[in-house]
Amino acid sequence: LIETHGRKDTEEQIKDLEFVPLLPISYKDRTFYEVNVKAI
């Protein structure tokens, strides 16, 4: 998981790195995404 906060320099660095997909969790009719411990 990485939080770029919209910072272009940070976003530029992550494009060549592999991501483990986040874990979607439904709560109060909305979907949130957290660290996917099992997948990692």
Full PDB file with SEQRES, HELIX, SHEET, SSBOND, CRYST1, ORIGX, SCALE, CONECT and MASTER records, all heavy atoms in Angstrom:
SEQRES   1 A   40  LEU ILE GLU THR HIS GLY ARG LYS ASP THR GLU GLU GLN          
SEQRES   2 A   40  ILE LYS ASP LEU GLU PHE VAL PRO LEU LEU PRO ILE SER          
SEQRES   3 A   40  TYR LYS ASP ARG THR PHE TYR GLU VAL ASN VAL LYS ALA          
SEQRES   4 A   40  ILE                                                          
HELIX    1 AA1 LYS A    8  ILE A   14  1                                   7    
SHEET    1 AA1 2 LEU A  23  TYR A  27  0                                        
SHEET    2 AA1 2 ARG A  30  GLU A  34 -1                                        
CRYST1    1.000    1.000    1.000  90.00  90.00  90.00 P 1           1          
ORIGX1      1.000000  0.000000  0.000000        0.00000                         
ORIGX2      0.000000  1.000000  0.000000        0.00000                         
ORIGX3      0.000000  0.000000  1.000000        0.00000                         
SCALE1      1.000000  0.000000  0.000000        0.00000                         
SCALE2      0.000000  1.000000  0.000000        0.00000                         
SCALE3      0.000000  0.000000  1.000000        0.00000                         
ATOM      1  N   LEU A   1       0.854  -1.184   0.000  1.00  0.00           N  
ATOM      2  CA  LEU A   1       0.000   0.000   0.000  1.00  0.00           C  
ATOM      3  C   LEU A   1       0.892   1.236   0.000  1.00  0.00           C  
ATOM      4  O   LEU A   1       1.880   1.289   0.718  1.00  0.00           O  
ATOM      5  CB  LEU A   1      -0.916   0.035   1.227  1.00  0.00           C  
ATOM      6  CG  LEU A   1      -1.895   1.222   1.278  1.00  0.00           C  
ATOM      7  CD1 LEU A   1      -3.259   0.773   1.808  1.00  0.00           C  
ATOM      8  CD2 LEU A   1      -1.358   2.372   2.118  1.00  0.00           C  
ATOM      9  N   ILE A   2       0.540   2.203  -0.816  1.00  0.00           N  
ATOM     10  CA  ILE A   2       1.279   3.471  -0.850  1.00  0.00           C  
ATOM     11  C   ILE A   2       0.295   4.619  -0.953  1.00  0.00           C  
ATOM     12  O   ILE A   2      -0.721   4.522  -1.638  1.00  0.00           O  
ATOM     13  CB  ILE A   2       2.292   3.499  -2.030  1.00  0.00           C  
ATOM     14  CG1 ILE A   2       3.432   4.485  -1.729  1.00  0.00           C  
ATOM     15  CG2 ILE A   2       1.628   3.819  -3.348  1.00  0.00           C  
ATOM     16  CD1 ILE A   2       4.457   3.954  -0.787  1.00  0.00           C  
ATOM     17  N   GLU A   3       0.558   5.696  -0.235  1.00  0.00           N  
ATOM     18  CA  GLU A   3      -0.275   6.895  -0.305  1.00  0.00           C  
ATOM     19  C   GLU A   3       0.541   7.992  -0.976  1.00  0.00           C  
ATOM     20  O   GLU A   3       1.503   8.493  -0.390  1.00  0.00           O  
ATOM     21  CB  GLU A   3      -0.702   7.339   1.106  1.00  0.00           C  
ATOM     22  CG  GLU A   3      -1.647   6.377   1.807  1.00  0.00           C  
ATOM     23  CD  GLU A   3      -3.061   6.420   1.265  1.00  0.00           C  
ATOM     24  OE1 GLU A   3      -3.325   7.215   0.330  1.00  0.00           O  
ATOM     25  OE2 GLU A   3      -3.903   5.655   1.761  1.00  0.00           O  
ATOM     26  N   THR A   4       0.183   8.348  -2.194  1.00  0.00           N  
ATOM     27  CA  THR A   4       0.939   9.378  -2.912  1.00  0.00           C  
ATOM     28  C   THR A   4       0.420  10.778  -2.608  1.00  0.00           C  
ATOM     29  O   THR A   4       1.129  11.765  -2.817  1.00  0.00           O  
ATOM     30  CB  THR A   4       0.866   9.155  -4.430  1.00  0.00           C  
ATOM     31  OG1 THR A   4      -0.488   9.355  -4.867  1.00  0.00           O  
ATOM     32  CG2 THR A   4       1.325   7.756  -4.800  1.00  0.00           C  
ATOM     33  N   HIS A   5      -0.832  10.870  -2.123  1.00  0.00           N  
ATOM     34  CA  HIS A   5      -1.476  12.168  -1.848  1.00  0.00           C  
ATOM     35  C   HIS A   5      -1.413  13.102  -3.063  1.00  0.00           C  
ATOM     36  O   HIS A   5      -1.314  14.324  -2.919  1.00  0.00           O  
ATOM     37  CB  HIS A   5      -0.829  12.842  -0.631  1.00  0.00           C  
ATOM     38  CG  HIS A   5      -0.957  12.033   0.632  1.00  0.00           C  
ATOM     39  ND1 HIS A   5      -2.153  11.888   1.309  1.00  0.00           N  
ATOM     40  CD2 HIS A   5      -0.035  11.306   1.323  1.00  0.00           C  
ATOM     41  CE1 HIS A   5      -1.959  11.120   2.376  1.00  0.00           C  
ATOM     42  NE2 HIS A   5      -0.696  10.761   2.398  1.00  0.00           N  
ATOM     43  N   GLY A   6      -1.420  12.478  -4.254  1.00  0.00           N  
ATOM     44  CA  GLY A   6      -1.415  13.279  -5.482  1.00  0.00           C  
ATOM     45  C   GLY A   6      -0.087  13.940  -5.803  1.00  0.00           C  
ATOM     46  O   GLY A   6      -0.010  14.796  -6.690  1.00  0.00           O  
ATOM     47  N   ARG A   7       0.989  13.543  -5.093  1.00  0.00           N  
ATOM     48  CA  ARG A   7       2.296  14.158  -5.334  1.00  0.00           C  
ATOM     49  C   ARG A   7       2.947  13.506  -6.556  1.00  0.00           C  
ATOM     50  O   ARG A   7       3.194  12.304  -6.575  1.00  0.00           O  
ATOM     51  CB  ARG A   7       3.178  14.007  -4.095  1.00  0.00           C  
ATOM     52  CG  ARG A   7       2.620  14.748  -2.888  1.00  0.00           C  
ATOM     53  CD  ARG A   7       3.264  14.336  -1.581  1.00  0.00           C  
ATOM     54  NE  ARG A   7       2.489  14.826  -0.439  1.00  0.00           N  
ATOM     55  CZ  ARG A   7       2.561  14.331   0.784  1.00  0.00           C  
ATOM     56  NH1 ARG A   7       3.367  13.313   1.039  1.00  0.00           N  
ATOM     57  NH2 ARG A   7       1.828  14.836   1.757  1.00  0.00           N  
ATOM     58  N   LYS A   8       3.230  14.316  -7.572  1.00  0.00           N  
ATOM     59  CA  LYS A   8       3.711  13.795  -8.858  1.00  0.00           C  
ATOM     60  C   LYS A   8       5.044  13.069  -8.731  1.00  0.00           C  
ATOM     61  O   LYS A   8       5.263  12.037  -9.366  1.00  0.00           O  
ATOM     62  CB  LYS A   8       3.824  14.939  -9.865  1.00  0.00           C  
ATOM     63  CG  LYS A   8       2.462  15.507 -10.277  1.00  0.00           C  
ATOM     64  CD  LYS A   8       2.603  16.646 -11.272  1.00  0.00           C  
ATOM     65  CE  LYS A   8       1.233  17.203 -11.661  1.00  0.00           C  
ATOM     66  NZ  LYS A   8       1.336  18.350 -12.596  1.00  0.00           N  
ATOM     67  N   ASP A   9       5.958  13.611  -7.930  1.00  0.00           N  
ATOM     68  CA  ASP A   9       7.273  12.965  -7.765  1.00  0.00           C  
ATOM     69  C   ASP A   9       7.121  11.555  -7.198  1.00  0.00           C  
ATOM     70  O   ASP A   9       7.812  10.624  -7.618  1.00  0.00           O  
ATOM     71  CB  ASP A   9       8.162  13.794  -6.819  1.00  0.00           C  
ATOM     72  CG  ASP A   9       8.601  15.103  -7.456  1.00  0.00           C  
ATOM     73  OD1 ASP A   9       8.461  15.241  -8.679  1.00  0.00           O  
ATOM     74  OD2 ASP A   9       9.092  15.986  -6.717  1.00  0.00           O  
ATOM     75  N   THR A  10       6.205  11.421  -6.229  1.00  0.00           N  
ATOM     76  CA  THR A  10       5.971  10.109  -5.611  1.00  0.00           C  
ATOM     77  C   THR A  10       5.317   9.155  -6.602  1.00  0.00           C  
ATOM     78  O   THR A  10       5.708   7.984  -6.715  1.00  0.00           O  
ATOM     79  CB  THR A  10       5.079  10.257  -4.362  1.00  0.00           C  
ATOM     80  OG1 THR A  10       5.668  11.212  -3.476  1.00  0.00           O  
ATOM     81  CG2 THR A  10       4.933   8.941  -3.638  1.00  0.00           C  
ATOM     82  N   GLU A  11       4.331   9.645  -7.348  1.00  0.00           N  
ATOM     83  CA  GLU A  11       3.635   8.813  -8.340  1.00  0.00           C  
ATOM     84  C   GLU A  11       4.595   8.326  -9.426  1.00  0.00           C  
ATOM     85  O   GLU A  11       4.460   7.213  -9.929  1.00  0.00           O  
ATOM     86  CB  GLU A  11       2.480   9.599  -8.956  1.00  0.00           C  
ATOM     87  CG  GLU A  11       1.321   9.817  -7.980  1.00  0.00           C  
ATOM     88  CD  GLU A  11       0.252  10.733  -8.538  1.00  0.00           C  
ATOM     89  OE1 GLU A  11       0.487  11.351  -9.604  1.00  0.00           O  
ATOM     90  OE2 GLU A  11      -0.825  10.857  -7.902  1.00  0.00           O  
ATOM     91  N   GLU A  12       5.559   9.143  -9.779  1.00  0.00           N  
ATOM     92  CA  GLU A  12       6.523   8.784 -10.821  1.00  0.00           C  
ATOM     93  C   GLU A  12       7.381   7.596 -10.384  1.00  0.00           C  
ATOM     94  O   GLU A  12       7.755   6.753 -11.199  1.00  0.00           O  
ATOM     95  CB  GLU A  12       7.426   9.999 -11.115  1.00  0.00           C  
ATOM     96  CG  GLU A  12       8.384   9.822 -12.282  1.00  0.00           C  
ATOM     97  CD  GLU A  12       7.680   9.675 -13.638  1.00  0.00           C  
ATOM     98  OE1 GLU A  12       6.526  10.146 -13.778  1.00  0.00           O  
ATOM     99  OE2 GLU A  12       8.294   9.070 -14.538  1.00  0.00           O  
ATOM    100  N   GLN A  13       7.654   7.512  -9.077  1.00  0.00           N  
ATOM    101  CA  GLN A  13       8.533   6.449  -8.579  1.00  0.00           C  
ATOM    102  C   GLN A  13       7.882   5.077  -8.557  1.00  0.00           C  
ATOM    103  O   GLN A  13       8.572   4.067  -8.657  1.00  0.00           O  
ATOM    104  CB  GLN A  13       9.009   6.795  -7.158  1.00  0.00           C  
ATOM    105  CG  GLN A  13      10.080   7.870  -7.107  1.00  0.00           C  
ATOM    106  CD  GLN A  13      10.546   8.064  -5.668  1.00  0.00           C  
ATOM    107  OE1 GLN A  13       9.772   8.392  -4.796  1.00  0.00           O  
ATOM    108  NE2 GLN A  13      11.820   7.842  -5.444  1.00  0.00           N  
ATOM    109  N   ILE A  14       6.560   5.030  -8.403  1.00  0.00           N  
ATOM    110  CA  ILE A  14       5.925   3.728  -8.160  1.00  0.00           C  
ATOM    111  C   ILE A  14       5.520   2.984  -9.431  1.00  0.00           C  
ATOM    112  O   ILE A  14       5.136   1.826  -9.374  1.00  0.00           O  
ATOM    113  CB  ILE A  14       4.676   3.878  -7.255  1.00  0.00           C  
ATOM    114  CG1 ILE A  14       3.611   4.732  -7.937  1.00  0.00           C  
ATOM    115  CG2 ILE A  14       5.051   4.445  -5.910  1.00  0.00           C  
ATOM    116  CD1 ILE A  14       2.310   4.828  -7.157  1.00  0.00           C  
ATOM    117  N   LYS A  15       5.628   3.640 -10.577  1.00  0.00           N  
ATOM    118  CA  LYS A  15       5.067   3.034 -11.793  1.00  0.00           C  
ATOM    119  C   LYS A  15       5.782   1.746 -12.208  1.00  0.00           C  
ATOM    120  O   LYS A  15       5.194   0.900 -12.876  1.00  0.00           O  
ATOM    121  CB  LYS A  15       5.082   4.038 -12.939  1.00  0.00           C  
ATOM    122  CG  LYS A  15       6.465   4.510 -13.357  1.00  0.00           C  
ATOM    123  CD  LYS A  15       6.368   5.540 -14.467  1.00  0.00           C  
ATOM    124  CE  LYS A  15       7.749   5.985 -14.941  1.00  0.00           C  
ATOM    125  NZ  LYS A  15       7.670   7.006 -15.990  1.00  0.00           N  
ATOM    126  N   ASP A  16       7.048   1.575 -11.823  1.00  0.00           N  
ATOM    127  CA  ASP A  16       7.800   0.386 -12.235  1.00  0.00           C  
ATOM    128  C   ASP A  16       7.818  -0.712 -11.179  1.00  0.00           C  
ATOM    129  O   ASP A  16       8.496  -1.728 -11.349  1.00  0.00           O  
ATOM    130  CB  ASP A  16       9.243   0.776 -12.582  1.00  0.00           C  
ATOM    131  CG  ASP A  16       9.305   1.685 -13.804  1.00  0.00           C  
ATOM    132  OD1 ASP A  16       8.449   1.517 -14.695  1.00  0.00           O  
ATOM    133  OD2 ASP A  16      10.187   2.557 -13.850  1.00  0.00           O  
ATOM    134  N   LEU A  17       7.080  -0.509 -10.077  1.00  0.00           N  
ATOM    135  CA  LEU A  17       7.083  -1.505  -9.001  1.00  0.00           C  
ATOM    136  C   LEU A  17       5.796  -2.325  -9.024  1.00  0.00           C  
ATOM    137  O   LEU A  17       4.720  -1.823  -9.352  1.00  0.00           O  
ATOM    138  CB  LEU A  17       7.229  -0.819  -7.637  1.00  0.00           C  
ATOM    139  CG  LEU A  17       8.614  -0.210  -7.342  1.00  0.00           C  
ATOM    140  CD1 LEU A  17       8.541   0.696  -6.122  1.00  0.00           C  
ATOM    141  CD2 LEU A  17       9.655  -1.298  -7.126  1.00  0.00           C  
ATOM    142  N   GLU A  18       5.909  -3.597  -8.661  1.00  0.00           N  
ATOM    143  CA  GLU A  18       4.751  -4.489  -8.622  1.00  0.00           C  
ATOM    144  C   GLU A  18       3.870  -4.172  -7.407  1.00  0.00           C  
ATOM    145  O   GLU A  18       4.363  -3.878  -6.327  1.00  0.00           O  
ATOM    146  CB  GLU A  18       5.234  -5.940  -8.534  1.00  0.00           C  
ATOM    147  CG  GLU A  18       4.107  -6.967  -8.451  1.00  0.00           C  
ATOM    148  CD  GLU A  18       4.618  -8.367  -8.154  1.00  0.00           C  
ATOM    149  OE1 GLU A  18       5.817  -8.649  -8.397  1.00  0.00           O  
ATOM    150  OE2 GLU A  18       3.809  -9.176  -7.664  1.00  0.00           O  
ATOM    151  N   PHE A  19       2.556  -4.236  -7.604  1.00  0.00           N  
ATOM    152  CA  PHE A  19       1.582  -4.016  -6.532  1.00  0.00           C  
ATOM    153  C   PHE A  19       0.890  -5.325  -6.172  1.00  0.00           C  
ATOM    154  O   PHE A  19       0.541  -6.104  -7.059  1.00  0.00           O  
ATOM    155  CB  PHE A  19       0.502  -3.024  -6.974  1.00  0.00           C  
ATOM    156  CG  PHE A  19       0.900  -1.584  -6.859  1.00  0.00           C  
ATOM    157  CD1 PHE A  19       1.733  -1.007  -7.805  1.00  0.00           C  
ATOM    158  CD2 PHE A  19       0.441  -0.799  -5.808  1.00  0.00           C  
ATOM    159  CE1 PHE A  19       2.089   0.320  -7.712  1.00  0.00           C  
ATOM    160  CE2 PHE A  19       0.797   0.529  -5.711  1.00  0.00           C  
ATOM    161  CZ  PHE A  19       1.621   1.099  -6.661  1.00  0.00           C  
ATOM    162  N   VAL A  20       0.671  -5.538  -4.881  1.00  0.00           N  
ATOM    163  CA  VAL A  20      -0.242  -6.593  -4.447  1.00  0.00           C  
ATOM    164  C   VAL A  20      -1.615  -5.927  -4.337  1.00  0.00           C  
ATOM    165  O   VAL A  20      -1.749  -4.923  -3.634  1.00  0.00           O  
ATOM    166  CB  VAL A  20       0.168  -7.181  -3.083  1.00  0.00           C  
ATOM    167  CG1 VAL A  20      -0.901  -8.161  -2.589  1.00  0.00           C  
ATOM    168  CG2 VAL A  20       1.518  -7.875  -3.182  1.00  0.00           C  
ATOM    169  N   PRO A  21      -2.629  -6.426  -5.034  1.00  0.00           N  
ATOM    170  CA  PRO A  21      -3.948  -5.772  -5.014  1.00  0.00           C  
ATOM    171  C   PRO A  21      -4.471  -5.588  -3.592  1.00  0.00           C  
ATOM    172  O   PRO A  21      -4.307  -6.462  -2.740  1.00  0.00           O  
ATOM    173  CB  PRO A  21      -4.836  -6.736  -5.810  1.00  0.00           C  
ATOM    174  CG  PRO A  21      -3.887  -7.506  -6.664  1.00  0.00           C  
ATOM    175  CD  PRO A  21      -2.620  -7.633  -5.868  1.00  0.00           C  
ATOM    176  N   LEU A  22      -5.091  -4.446  -3.338  1.00  0.00           N  
ATOM    177  CA  LEU A  22      -5.666  -4.174  -2.024  1.00  0.00           C  
ATOM    178  C   LEU A  22      -6.917  -5.018  -1.786  1.00  0.00           C  
ATOM    179  O   LEU A  22      -7.519  -5.526  -2.728  1.00  0.00           O  
ATOM    180  CB  LEU A  22      -6.020  -2.686  -1.913  1.00  0.00           C  
ATOM    181  CG  LEU A  22      -4.837  -1.715  -1.953  1.00  0.00           C  
ATOM    182  CD1 LEU A  22      -5.333  -0.274  -2.020  1.00  0.00           C  
ATOM    183  CD2 LEU A  22      -3.933  -1.893  -0.742  1.00  0.00           C  
ATOM    184  N   LEU A  23      -7.282  -5.150  -0.526  1.00  0.00           N  
ATOM    185  CA  LEU A  23      -8.447  -5.946  -0.155  1.00  0.00           C  
ATOM    186  C   LEU A  23      -9.680  -5.038  -0.062  1.00  0.00           C  
ATOM    187  O   LEU A  23      -9.723  -4.128   0.770  1.00  0.00           O  
ATOM    188  CB  LEU A  23      -8.204  -6.621   1.205  1.00  0.00           C  
ATOM    189  CG  LEU A  23      -9.351  -7.464   1.765  1.00  0.00           C  
ATOM    190  CD1 LEU A  23      -9.579  -8.699   0.904  1.00  0.00           C  
ATOM    191  CD2 LEU A  23      -9.066  -7.859   3.210  1.00  0.00           C  
ATOM    192  N   PRO A  24     -10.705  -5.252  -0.920  1.00  0.00           N  
ATOM    193  CA  PRO A  24     -11.934  -4.429  -0.835  1.00  0.00           C  
ATOM    194  C   PRO A  24     -12.809  -4.876   0.336  1.00  0.00           C  
ATOM    195  O   PRO A  24     -13.023  -6.072   0.541  1.00  0.00           O  
ATOM    196  CB  PRO A  24     -12.619  -4.697  -2.176  1.00  0.00           C  
ATOM    197  CG  PRO A  24     -12.104  -6.024  -2.626  1.00  0.00           C  
ATOM    198  CD  PRO A  24     -10.743  -6.216  -2.026  1.00  0.00           C  
ATOM    199  N   ILE A  25     -13.285  -3.919   1.121  1.00  0.00           N  
ATOM    200  CA  ILE A  25     -14.162  -4.220   2.260  1.00  0.00           C  
ATOM    201  C   ILE A  25     -15.382  -3.301   2.185  1.00  0.00           C  
ATOM    202  O   ILE A  25     -15.238  -2.075   2.098  1.00  0.00           O  
ATOM    203  CB  ILE A  25     -13.425  -4.023   3.606  1.00  0.00           C  
ATOM    204  CG1 ILE A  25     -12.233  -4.988   3.711  1.00  0.00           C  
ATOM    205  CG2 ILE A  25     -14.383  -4.232   4.786  1.00  0.00           C  
ATOM    206  CD1 ILE A  25     -11.385  -4.788   4.950  1.00  0.00           C  
ATOM    207  N   SER A  26     -16.561  -3.887   2.210  1.00  0.00           N  
ATOM    208  CA  SER A  26     -17.798  -3.097   2.158  1.00  0.00           C  
ATOM    209  C   SER A  26     -18.213  -2.682   3.556  1.00  0.00           C  
ATOM    210  O   SER A  26     -18.237  -3.498   4.481  1.00  0.00           O  
ATOM    211  CB  SER A  26     -18.925  -3.918   1.520  1.00  0.00           C  
ATOM    212  OG  SER A  26     -18.607  -4.212   0.182  1.00  0.00           O  
ATOM    213  N   TYR A  27     -18.558  -1.403   3.695  1.00  0.00           N  
ATOM    214  CA  TYR A  27     -18.999  -0.882   4.988  1.00  0.00           C  
ATOM    215  C   TYR A  27     -19.945   0.283   4.741  1.00  0.00           C  
ATOM    216  O   TYR A  27     -19.590   1.257   4.073  1.00  0.00           O  
ATOM    217  CB  TYR A  27     -17.787  -0.436   5.820  1.00  0.00           C  
ATOM    218  CG  TYR A  27     -18.156   0.133   7.169  1.00  0.00           C  
ATOM    219  CD1 TYR A  27     -18.694  -0.668   8.170  1.00  0.00           C  
ATOM    220  CD2 TYR A  27     -17.949   1.487   7.440  1.00  0.00           C  
ATOM    221  CE1 TYR A  27     -19.030  -0.147   9.409  1.00  0.00           C  
ATOM    222  CE2 TYR A  27     -18.281   2.025   8.691  1.00  0.00           C  
ATOM    223  CZ  TYR A  27     -18.822   1.200   9.668  1.00  0.00           C  
ATOM    224  OH  TYR A  27     -19.153   1.721  10.892  1.00  0.00           O  
ATOM    225  N   LYS A  28     -21.174   0.169   5.254  1.00  0.00           N  
ATOM    226  CA  LYS A  28     -22.196   1.211   5.106  1.00  0.00           C  
ATOM    227  C   LYS A  28     -22.387   1.620   3.643  1.00  0.00           C  
ATOM    228  O   LYS A  28     -22.305   2.794   3.289  1.00  0.00           O  
ATOM    229  CB  LYS A  28     -21.845   2.424   5.971  1.00  0.00           C  
ATOM    230  CG  LYS A  28     -21.940   2.149   7.471  1.00  0.00           C  
ATOM    231  CD  LYS A  28     -21.720   3.411   8.297  1.00  0.00           C  
ATOM    232  CE  LYS A  28     -21.915   3.107   9.781  1.00  0.00           C  
ATOM    233  NZ  LYS A  28     -21.696   4.311  10.631  1.00  0.00           N  
ATOM    234  N   ASP A  29     -22.569   0.604   2.801  1.00  0.00           N  
ATOM    235  CA  ASP A  29     -22.857   0.803   1.378  1.00  0.00           C  
ATOM    236  C   ASP A  29     -21.716   1.475   0.613  1.00  0.00           C  
ATOM    237  O   ASP A  29     -21.929   2.027  -0.473  1.00  0.00           O  
ATOM    238  CB  ASP A  29     -24.143   1.619   1.184  1.00  0.00           C  
ATOM    239  CG  ASP A  29     -25.348   0.921   1.785  1.00  0.00           C  
ATOM    240  OD1 ASP A  29     -25.404  -0.317   1.694  1.00  0.00           O  
ATOM    241  OD2 ASP A  29     -26.211   1.617   2.358  1.00  0.00           O  
ATOM    242  N   ARG A  30     -20.530   1.440   1.175  1.00  0.00           N  
ATOM    243  CA  ARG A  30     -19.359   1.974   0.470  1.00  0.00           C  
ATOM    244  C   ARG A  30     -18.261   0.915   0.464  1.00  0.00           C  
ATOM    245  O   ARG A  30     -18.227   0.022   1.313  1.00  0.00           O  
ATOM    246  CB  ARG A  30     -18.833   3.240   1.157  1.00  0.00           C  
ATOM    247  CG  ARG A  30     -19.738   4.458   0.993  1.00  0.00           C  
ATOM    248  CD  ARG A  30     -19.132   5.663   1.695  1.00  0.00           C  
ATOM    249  NE  ARG A  30     -17.825   6.000   1.159  1.00  0.00           N  
ATOM    250  CZ  ARG A  30     -16.972   6.848   1.734  1.00  0.00           C  
ATOM    251  NH1 ARG A  30     -17.298   7.430   2.875  1.00  0.00           N  
ATOM    252  NH2 ARG A  30     -15.809   7.122   1.171  1.00  0.00           N  
ATOM    253  N   THR A  31     -17.355   1.021  -0.499  1.00  0.00           N  
ATOM    254  CA  THR A  31     -16.242   0.074  -0.577  1.00  0.00           C  
ATOM    255  C   THR A  31     -14.950   0.785  -0.187  1.00  0.00           C  
ATOM    256  O   THR A  31     -14.615   1.842  -0.736  1.00  0.00           O  
ATOM    257  CB  THR A  31     -16.102  -0.504  -1.991  1.00  0.00           C  
ATOM    258  OG1 THR A  31     -17.326  -1.180  -2.338  1.00  0.00           O  
ATOM    259  CG2 THR A  31     -14.954  -1.506  -2.057  1.00  0.00           C  
ATOM    260  N   PHE A  32     -14.253   0.198   0.768  1.00  0.00           N  
ATOM    261  CA  PHE A  32     -12.960   0.718   1.218  1.00  0.00           C  
ATOM    262  C   PHE A  32     -11.881  -0.304   0.852  1.00  0.00           C  
ATOM    263  O   PHE A  32     -12.171  -1.480   0.645  1.00  0.00           O  
ATOM    264  CB  PHE A  32     -12.977   0.958   2.727  1.00  0.00           C  
ATOM    265  CG  PHE A  32     -13.975   1.995   3.163  1.00  0.00           C  
ATOM    266  CD1 PHE A  32     -15.314   1.645   3.386  1.00  0.00           C  
ATOM    267  CD2 PHE A  32     -13.601   3.311   3.354  1.00  0.00           C  
ATOM    268  CE1 PHE A  32     -16.248   2.586   3.785  1.00  0.00           C  
ATOM    269  CE2 PHE A  32     -14.529   4.267   3.754  1.00  0.00           C  
ATOM    270  CZ  PHE A  32     -15.849   3.904   3.969  1.00  0.00           C  
ATOM    271  N   TYR A  33     -10.647   0.155   0.795  1.00  0.00           N  
ATOM    272  CA  TYR A  33      -9.540  -0.730   0.403  1.00  0.00           C  
ATOM    273  C   TYR A  33      -8.444  -0.702   1.467  1.00  0.00           C  
ATOM    274  O   TYR A  33      -7.966   0.366   1.846  1.00  0.00           O  
ATOM    275  CB  TYR A  33      -8.976  -0.305  -0.956  1.00  0.00           C  
ATOM    276  CG  TYR A  33      -9.976  -0.477  -2.077  1.00  0.00           C  
ATOM    277  CD1 TYR A  33     -10.858   0.547  -2.402  1.00  0.00           C  
ATOM    278  CD2 TYR A  33     -10.060  -1.682  -2.772  1.00  0.00           C  
ATOM    279  CE1 TYR A  33     -11.798   0.389  -3.402  1.00  0.00           C  
ATOM    280  CE2 TYR A  33     -11.005  -1.856  -3.781  1.00  0.00           C  
ATOM    281  CZ  TYR A  33     -11.871  -0.819  -4.094  1.00  0.00           C  
ATOM    282  OH  TYR A  33     -12.801  -0.992  -5.092  1.00  0.00           O  
ATOM    283  N   GLU A  34      -8.111  -1.897   1.934  1.00  0.00           N  
ATOM    284  CA  GLU A  34      -7.093  -2.023   2.977  1.00  0.00           C  
ATOM    285  C   GLU A  34      -5.979  -2.964   2.514  1.00  0.00           C  
ATOM    286  O   GLU A  34      -6.091  -3.610   1.465  1.00  0.00           O  
ATOM    287  CB  GLU A  34      -7.721  -2.569   4.274  1.00  0.00           C  
ATOM    288  CG  GLU A  34      -8.825  -1.710   4.871  1.00  0.00           C  
ATOM    289  CD  GLU A  34      -8.306  -0.421   5.491  1.00  0.00           C  
ATOM    290  OE1 GLU A  34      -7.084  -0.159   5.439  1.00  0.00           O  
ATOM    291  OE2 GLU A  34      -9.126   0.349   6.031  1.00  0.00           O  
ATOM    292  N   VAL A  35      -4.897  -3.023   3.318  1.00  0.00           N  
ATOM    293  CA  VAL A  35      -3.774  -3.917   3.021  1.00  0.00           C  
ATOM    294  C   VAL A  35      -4.280  -5.363   2.969  1.00  0.00           C  
ATOM    295  O   VAL A  35      -4.977  -5.816   3.883  1.00  0.00           O  
ATOM    296  CB  VAL A  35      -2.673  -3.786   4.089  1.00  0.00           C  
ATOM    297  CG1 VAL A  35      -1.604  -4.858   3.908  1.00  0.00           C  
ATOM    298  CG2 VAL A  35      -2.044  -2.398   4.035  1.00  0.00           C  
ATOM    299  N   ASN A  36      -3.914  -6.077   1.910  1.00  0.00           N  
ATOM    300  CA  ASN A  36      -4.356  -7.469   1.739  1.00  0.00           C  
ATOM    301  C   ASN A  36      -3.301  -8.407   2.333  1.00  0.00           C  
ATOM    302  O   ASN A  36      -2.415  -8.902   1.633  1.00  0.00           O  
ATOM    303  CB  ASN A  36      -4.565  -7.762   0.252  1.00  0.00           C  
ATOM    304  CG  ASN A  36      -5.386  -9.020   0.030  1.00  0.00           C  
ATOM    305  OD1 ASN A  36      -5.371  -9.927   0.852  1.00  0.00           O  
ATOM    306  ND2 ASN A  36      -6.102  -9.080  -1.085  1.00  0.00           N  
ATOM    307  N   VAL A  37      -3.395  -8.600   3.642  1.00  0.00           N  
ATOM    308  CA  VAL A  37      -2.379  -9.377   4.369  1.00  0.00           C  
ATOM    309  C   VAL A  37      -2.263 -10.798   3.813  1.00  0.00           C  
ATOM    310  O   VAL A  37      -1.158 -11.306   3.578  1.00  0.00           O  
ATOM    311  CB  VAL A  37      -2.708  -9.417   5.882  1.00  0.00           C  
ATOM    312  CG1 VAL A  37      -1.709 -10.295   6.628  1.00  0.00           C  
ATOM    313  CG2 VAL A  37      -2.718  -8.000   6.454  1.00  0.00           C  
ATOM    314  N   LYS A  38      -3.392 -11.444   3.589  1.00  0.00           N  
ATOM    315  CA  LYS A  38      -3.386 -12.836   3.093  1.00  0.00           C  
ATOM    316  C   LYS A  38      -2.696 -12.929   1.735  1.00  0.00           C  
ATOM    317  O   LYS A  38      -1.851 -13.810   1.518  1.00  0.00           O  
ATOM    318  CB  LYS A  38      -4.825 -13.354   2.995  1.00  0.00           C  
ATOM    319  CG  LYS A  38      -4.910 -14.811   2.566  1.00  0.00           C  
ATOM    320  CD  LYS A  38      -6.363 -15.275   2.467  1.00  0.00           C  
ATOM    321  CE  LYS A  38      -6.435 -16.718   1.986  1.00  0.00           C  
ATOM    322  NZ  LYS A  38      -7.837 -17.156   1.793  1.00  0.00           N  
ATOM    323  N   ALA A  39      -3.032 -12.003   0.828  1.00  0.00           N  
ATOM    324  CA  ALA A  39      -2.426 -12.028  -0.511  1.00  0.00           C  
ATOM    325  C   ALA A  39      -0.925 -11.756  -0.448  1.00  0.00           C  
ATOM    326  O   ALA A  39      -0.148 -12.340  -1.213  1.00  0.00           O  
ATOM    327  CB  ALA A  39      -3.114 -10.995  -1.408  1.00  0.00           C  
ATOM    328  N   ILE A  40      -0.506 -10.882   0.457  1.00  0.00           N  
ATOM    329  CA  ILE A  40       0.929 -10.570   0.607  1.00  0.00           C  
ATOM    330  C   ILE A  40       1.690 -11.794   1.088  1.00  0.00           C  
ATOM    331  O   ILE A  40       2.750 -12.136   0.563  1.00  0.00           O  
ATOM    332  CB  ILE A  40       1.122  -9.387   1.586  1.00  0.00           C  
ATOM    333  CG1 ILE A  40       0.629  -8.091   0.941  1.00  0.00           C  
ATOM    334  CG2 ILE A  40       2.593  -9.248   1.992  1.00  0.00           C  
ATOM    335  CD1 ILE A  40       0.497  -6.929   1.911  1.00  0.00           C  
TER     336      ILE A  40                                                      
MASTER        0    0    0    1    2    0    0    6  335    1    0    4          
END                                                                             
